[in-house]
Amino acid sequence: MAWDNAHWDPRQYVRFGDYRDRAFYDLTARIGAQQPRRVVDLGCGPGNLTAALARRWPGAQVLGLDSSPQMIKAAQTALDAPTAPGNLSFALADIAGWMPEPDTDVVVSNAALQWVPGHETLIAFWLRALRPGAWLAVQVPGNFRSPSHALMREVADSERWRSLLAGVLRHDDAVGEPGDYLQLLLDGGSAADIWETTYHQLLTGKRPVLEWVRGTALRPVLGSLSAVDAAEFEETYAALLAEAYPATAHGTVFPFRRIFAVGQKMPEGQKMPEGQKMPVG
């Protein structure tokens, strides 16, 4: 079972679209597939980035999957636009129950697997199922020890909120470290390209870090509380965020670490020669 999907707000999620989208393009730039047949975007959200995959590979059938009805509705609505790629489709699905079809040549998951407990096991399953030559590209946030998340857990675990929010946040073990994903890809018979990047994002507006996490990490908390309690939680949390991320004359600096893993399945028994770089398109 993946994450609770009842409270995703596509409009809130895309408020910081330029910053959120950058990691997707940094990730997919390292995929070297030339003419894939089937491309699947796991956790596609509102679908705008999945559309970029369809435009990159016009000869492929590109499918975006998400467990949020709100996100899939937004994605499917966008298909009515005159500029929507004809090779693009979306479907409601749980990542935790998905397996690649035999003709799947590219699998992308951008900022979604952190919501799926045990996703490392899923990655291993996917790598076994993918054919030689297929690509797997994954990006997960690596900021769960940053103040934005540590303070959220601190407030949730306080006496005021502990009973209401017990078990809601599982940030301590949501993702692995770069070395964990390297080992997964290598054990799965893939050439591996692993890296991490910390983006120093300059946010503007009133309480911008709170607005950022409202679209993602704070969503399970707000979905578990009444409107009155949610507002109270936010006020306490926002005061701590303001201390951790003070506004400057230029805006509020919000460092965001992300972890990237790109692999290409190698033929059985074959390994990438030592010192050779992965091929990229």
Protein backbone atom coordinates (compact mmCIF):
# COMPACT_ATOMS: atom_id res chain seq x y z
CA MET A 1 0.00 0.00 0.00
CA ALA A 2 1.36 3.41 -0.94
CA TRP A 3 0.47 6.76 0.53
CA ASP A 4 -2.94 8.18 1.40
CA ASN A 5 -4.12 9.86 -1.80
CA ALA A 6 -7.18 11.72 -0.56
CA HIS A 7 -5.74 15.18 -0.05
CA TRP A 8 -3.46 16.01 -2.97
CA ASP A 9 -4.01 19.52 -4.37
CA PRO A 10 -2.56 19.84 -7.90
CA ARG A 11 -2.71 23.64 -7.76
CA GLN A 12 -0.72 23.80 -4.52
CA TYR A 13 1.77 21.24 -5.81
CA VAL A 14 2.64 23.26 -8.93
CA ARG A 15 2.96 26.61 -7.11
CA PHE A 16 6.74 26.23 -7.09
CA GLY A 17 6.81 24.48 -10.45
CA ASP A 18 10.12 25.89 -11.67
CA TYR A 19 11.96 24.55 -8.64
CA ARG A 20 10.09 21.23 -8.49
CA ASP A 21 10.52 20.61 -12.22
CA ARG A 22 14.27 21.20 -12.32
CA ALA A 23 15.13 17.92 -10.60
CA PHE A 24 12.96 16.03 -13.12
CA TYR A 25 14.89 17.45 -16.06
CA ASP A 26 18.24 16.85 -14.34
CA LEU A 27 17.16 13.23 -13.79
CA THR A 28 15.79 12.47 -17.23
CA ALA A 29 18.70 14.15 -19.01
CA ARG A 30 20.80 11.14 -17.97
CA ILE A 31 18.50 8.61 -19.69
CA GLY A 32 20.15 7.51 -22.93
CA ALA A 33 17.20 5.71 -24.56
CA GLN A 34 16.89 6.62 -28.23
CA GLN A 35 13.68 5.00 -29.51
CA PRO A 36 11.85 3.42 -26.55
CA ARG A 37 8.58 1.62 -27.15
CA ARG A 38 6.90 2.15 -23.79
CA VAL A 39 7.76 4.83 -21.21
CA VAL A 40 6.12 4.84 -17.78
CA ASP A 41 6.14 7.74 -15.31
CA LEU A 42 5.39 6.45 -11.80
CA GLY A 43 3.85 9.11 -9.57
CA CYS A 44 3.18 11.43 -12.49
CA GLY A 45 1.25 14.06 -10.49
CA PRO A 46 -0.62 16.55 -12.72
CA GLY A 47 1.13 15.15 -15.79
CA ASN A 48 2.92 18.21 -17.11
CA LEU A 49 6.32 16.55 -16.82
CA THR A 50 5.06 13.27 -18.27
CA ALA A 51 4.04 15.30 -21.32
CA ALA A 52 7.69 16.35 -21.68
CA LEU A 53 8.63 12.66 -21.95
CA ALA A 54 6.01 12.17 -24.65
CA ARG A 55 7.44 15.08 -26.63
CA ARG A 56 10.98 13.78 -26.21
CA TRP A 57 10.04 10.32 -27.49
CA PRO A 58 7.15 10.83 -29.96
CA GLY A 59 7.37 7.22 -31.16
CA ALA A 60 6.80 5.78 -27.67
CA GLN A 61 3.60 5.09 -25.80
CA VAL A 62 4.02 7.22 -22.69
CA LEU A 63 1.91 6.38 -19.64
CA GLY A 64 1.64 8.39 -16.43
CA LEU A 65 0.45 6.61 -13.29
CA ASP A 66 -0.55 8.14 -9.96
CA SER A 67 -2.60 6.98 -6.97
CA SER A 68 -4.21 10.40 -6.46
CA PRO A 69 -7.59 10.83 -8.20
CA GLN A 70 -7.11 14.61 -8.03
CA MET A 71 -3.76 14.43 -9.81
CA ILE A 72 -5.00 12.04 -12.50
CA LYS A 73 -8.07 14.20 -13.10
CA ALA A 74 -5.83 17.22 -13.64
CA ALA A 75 -3.55 15.24 -15.94
CA GLN A 76 -6.40 13.86 -18.03
CA THR A 77 -8.00 17.29 -18.30
CA ALA A 78 -4.76 18.60 -19.79
CA LEU A 79 -5.03 15.97 -22.55
CA ASP A 80 -7.89 18.02 -24.05
CA ALA A 81 -5.48 20.85 -24.92
CA PRO A 82 -4.69 21.17 -28.66
CA THR A 83 -0.96 20.88 -27.91
CA ALA A 84 -1.24 17.66 -25.87
CA PRO A 85 0.94 14.86 -27.31
CA GLY A 86 -1.05 12.11 -28.98
CA ASN A 87 1.15 9.36 -27.54
CA LEU A 88 0.37 10.30 -23.92
CA SER A 89 -2.11 8.69 -21.52
CA PHE A 90 -2.75 8.56 -17.77
CA ALA A 91 -4.25 6.07 -15.36
CA LEU A 92 -5.03 5.77 -11.67
CA ALA A 93 -2.74 3.18 -10.11
CA ASP A 94 -0.78 2.37 -6.96
CA ILE A 95 2.99 2.26 -7.52
CA ALA A 96 3.28 -0.49 -4.93
CA GLY A 97 1.28 -2.86 -7.16
CA TRP A 98 2.85 -1.96 -10.50
CA MET A 99 5.17 -4.13 -12.59
CA PRO A 100 6.62 -3.31 -16.02
CA GLU A 101 5.18 -4.79 -19.21
CA PRO A 102 7.66 -6.74 -21.38
CA ASP A 103 8.00 -3.85 -23.84
CA THR A 104 8.75 -1.23 -21.17
CA ASP A 105 11.99 0.49 -22.11
CA VAL A 106 12.02 3.47 -19.73
CA VAL A 107 10.71 3.79 -16.17
CA VAL A 108 10.82 7.18 -14.46
CA SER A 109 9.85 7.99 -10.88
CA ASN A 110 10.45 11.57 -9.85
CA ALA A 111 9.79 12.57 -6.22
CA ALA A 112 7.26 9.81 -5.59
CA LEU A 113 8.94 6.74 -4.07
CA GLN A 114 9.48 8.46 -0.72
CA TRP A 115 5.75 7.91 -0.17
CA VAL A 116 6.00 4.15 -0.78
CA PRO A 117 7.21 2.08 2.19
CA GLY A 118 9.63 -0.61 1.08
CA HIS A 119 10.25 0.96 -2.31
CA GLU A 120 13.78 -0.43 -2.35
CA THR A 121 12.27 -3.92 -2.70
CA LEU A 122 10.06 -2.65 -5.52
CA ILE A 123 13.09 -1.28 -7.38
CA ALA A 124 14.75 -4.70 -7.14
CA PHE A 125 11.59 -6.35 -8.54
CA TRP A 126 11.40 -3.86 -11.40
CA LEU A 127 15.03 -4.39 -12.33
CA ARG A 128 14.51 -8.14 -12.51
CA ALA A 129 11.46 -7.66 -14.75
CA LEU A 130 12.99 -5.11 -17.14
CA ARG A 131 14.61 -6.37 -20.31
CA PRO A 132 18.32 -5.79 -21.02
CA GLY A 133 18.81 -2.28 -22.38
CA ALA A 134 15.87 -0.79 -20.46
CA TRP A 135 16.34 2.28 -18.27
CA LEU A 136 15.24 3.06 -14.72
CA ALA A 137 15.51 6.64 -13.43
CA VAL A 138 14.58 7.57 -9.86
CA GLN A 139 14.77 10.80 -7.89
CA VAL A 140 13.84 11.10 -4.22
CA PRO A 141 14.17 14.02 -1.82
CA GLY A 142 17.07 13.67 0.57
CA ASN A 143 16.02 16.40 2.97
CA PHE A 144 14.25 14.43 5.70
CA ARG A 145 16.80 15.52 8.30
CA SER A 146 16.57 19.18 7.29
CA PRO A 147 14.76 21.67 9.58
CA SER A 148 11.63 21.67 7.40
CA HIS A 149 11.03 18.00 8.18
CA ALA A 150 12.71 17.67 11.58
CA LEU A 151 10.60 20.52 12.97
CA MET A 152 7.44 19.00 11.54
CA ARG A 153 8.20 15.74 13.32
CA GLU A 154 9.06 17.64 16.49
CA VAL A 155 5.70 19.42 16.56
CA ALA A 156 3.80 16.25 15.64
CA ASP A 157 5.49 14.38 18.50
CA SER A 158 4.74 17.08 21.07
CA GLU A 159 2.25 16.42 23.85
CA ARG A 160 -0.40 18.52 22.08
CA TRP A 161 -0.35 16.47 18.86
CA ARG A 162 1.14 13.08 19.67
CA SER A 163 -2.14 11.20 20.07
CA LEU A 164 -3.71 12.73 16.96
CA LEU A 165 -0.72 12.24 14.67
CA ALA A 166 0.82 8.99 15.86
CA GLY A 167 2.13 7.08 12.84
CA VAL A 168 1.25 9.80 10.33
CA LEU A 169 4.82 10.86 9.56
CA ARG A 170 7.39 8.21 8.59
CA HIS A 171 10.17 10.50 7.48
CA ASP A 172 12.96 8.77 9.39
CA ASP A 173 13.19 5.89 6.92
CA ALA A 174 11.39 7.28 3.87
CA VAL A 175 14.42 7.06 1.55
CA GLY A 176 17.87 5.56 1.44
CA GLU A 177 21.22 7.21 0.90
CA PRO A 178 22.95 7.39 -2.50
CA GLY A 179 25.03 4.30 -1.73
CA ASP A 180 21.88 2.29 -1.08
CA TYR A 181 20.51 3.03 -4.53
CA LEU A 182 23.90 2.36 -6.12
CA GLN A 183 23.93 -1.09 -4.55
CA LEU A 184 20.35 -1.75 -5.68
CA LEU A 185 21.12 -0.93 -9.29
CA LEU A 186 24.37 -2.88 -9.35
CA ASP A 187 22.78 -5.91 -7.68
CA GLY A 188 19.97 -5.66 -10.24
CA GLY A 189 22.40 -6.02 -13.13
CA SER A 190 22.44 -2.38 -14.18
CA ALA A 191 25.06 0.15 -15.06
CA ALA A 192 24.56 2.87 -12.48
CA ASP A 193 24.80 6.64 -12.35
CA ILE A 194 24.18 7.97 -8.83
CA TRP A 195 24.52 11.54 -7.59
CA GLU A 196 23.03 14.08 -5.23
CA THR A 197 22.40 17.79 -5.56
CA THR A 198 21.42 20.44 -3.03
CA TYR A 199 19.44 23.21 -4.71
CA HIS A 200 19.57 26.51 -2.83
CA GLN A 201 16.11 27.75 -3.72
CA LEU A 202 15.17 31.38 -3.20
CA LEU A 203 11.51 31.56 -2.17
CA THR A 204 9.43 34.71 -1.89
CA GLY A 205 6.14 35.67 -0.32
CA LYS A 206 4.69 35.25 3.14
CA ARG A 207 5.76 32.06 4.96
CA PRO A 208 7.13 30.52 1.74
CA VAL A 209 8.61 27.36 3.27
CA LEU A 210 5.26 26.57 4.85
CA GLU A 211 3.61 27.07 1.46
CA TRP A 212 6.17 24.72 -0.09
CA VAL A 213 5.58 21.86 2.34
CA ARG A 214 1.81 22.33 2.19
CA GLY A 215 1.99 20.85 -1.30
CA THR A 216 3.90 17.73 -0.26
CA ALA A 217 5.33 16.78 3.14
CA LEU A 218 2.73 18.53 5.29
CA ARG A 219 -0.18 17.02 3.38
CA PRO A 220 -0.55 13.87 5.56
CA VAL A 221 -0.66 16.01 8.70
CA LEU A 222 -3.29 18.38 7.36
CA GLY A 223 -5.32 15.45 6.07
CA SER A 224 -5.37 13.86 9.53
CA LEU A 225 -6.61 16.94 11.41
CA SER A 226 -9.79 18.97 11.49
CA ALA A 227 -9.62 22.40 9.87
CA VAL A 228 -9.33 24.09 13.27
CA ASP A 229 -6.60 21.75 14.49
CA ALA A 230 -4.74 21.98 11.17
CA ALA A 231 -4.65 25.78 11.45
CA GLU A 232 -3.29 25.54 15.00
CA PHE A 233 -0.63 23.03 13.97
CA GLU A 234 0.41 25.26 11.09
CA GLU A 235 0.81 28.31 13.32
CA THR A 236 3.11 26.48 15.72
CA TYR A 237 5.10 24.92 12.90
CA ALA A 238 5.30 28.17 10.90
CA ALA A 239 6.85 30.02 13.83
CA LEU A 240 9.63 27.44 14.02
CA LEU A 241 10.15 27.54 10.25
CA ALA A 242 10.53 31.32 10.38
CA GLU A 243 13.44 30.91 12.79
CA ALA A 244 15.05 28.11 10.80
CA TYR A 245 14.62 29.83 7.43
CA PRO A 246 14.78 33.59 8.09
CA ALA A 247 13.70 35.98 5.36
CA THR A 248 16.42 38.13 3.82
CA ALA A 249 16.35 41.18 1.60
CA HIS A 250 16.51 38.81 -1.37
CA GLY A 251 13.95 36.25 -0.18
CA THR A 252 14.03 33.07 1.88
CA VAL A 253 16.77 30.57 1.10
CA PHE A 254 15.45 27.00 1.20
CA PRO A 255 18.19 24.38 0.62
CA PHE A 256 16.75 21.19 -0.85
CA ARG A 257 18.85 18.03 -1.21
CA ARG A 258 17.79 15.49 -3.82
CA ILE A 259 19.13 12.01 -4.60
CA PHE A 260 19.29 10.70 -8.18
CA ALA A 261 19.72 7.15 -9.49
CA VAL A 262 19.77 6.20 -13.16
CA GLY A 263 20.47 2.68 -14.37
CA GLN A 264 20.48 0.77 -17.63
CA LYS A 265 19.85 -2.96 -17.42
CA MET A 266 22.81 -4.88 -18.78
CA PRO A 267 22.67 -8.28 -20.55
CA GLU A 268 22.93 -11.13 -18.07
CA GLY A 269 26.48 -11.61 -16.87
CA GLN A 270 27.72 -8.39 -18.45
CA LYS A 271 28.99 -5.42 -16.46
CA MET A 272 29.92 -1.91 -17.47
CA PRO A 273 33.68 -1.81 -18.08
CA GLU A 274 35.62 -0.11 -15.30
CA GLY A 275 36.06 3.60 -15.89
CA GLN A 276 33.47 3.74 -18.70
CA LYS A 277 30.72 6.30 -18.45
CA MET A 278 27.09 5.46 -18.98
CA PRO A 279 25.82 6.33 -22.46
CA VAL A 280 23.51 9.33 -22.52
CA GLY A 281 21.35 10.82 -25.23
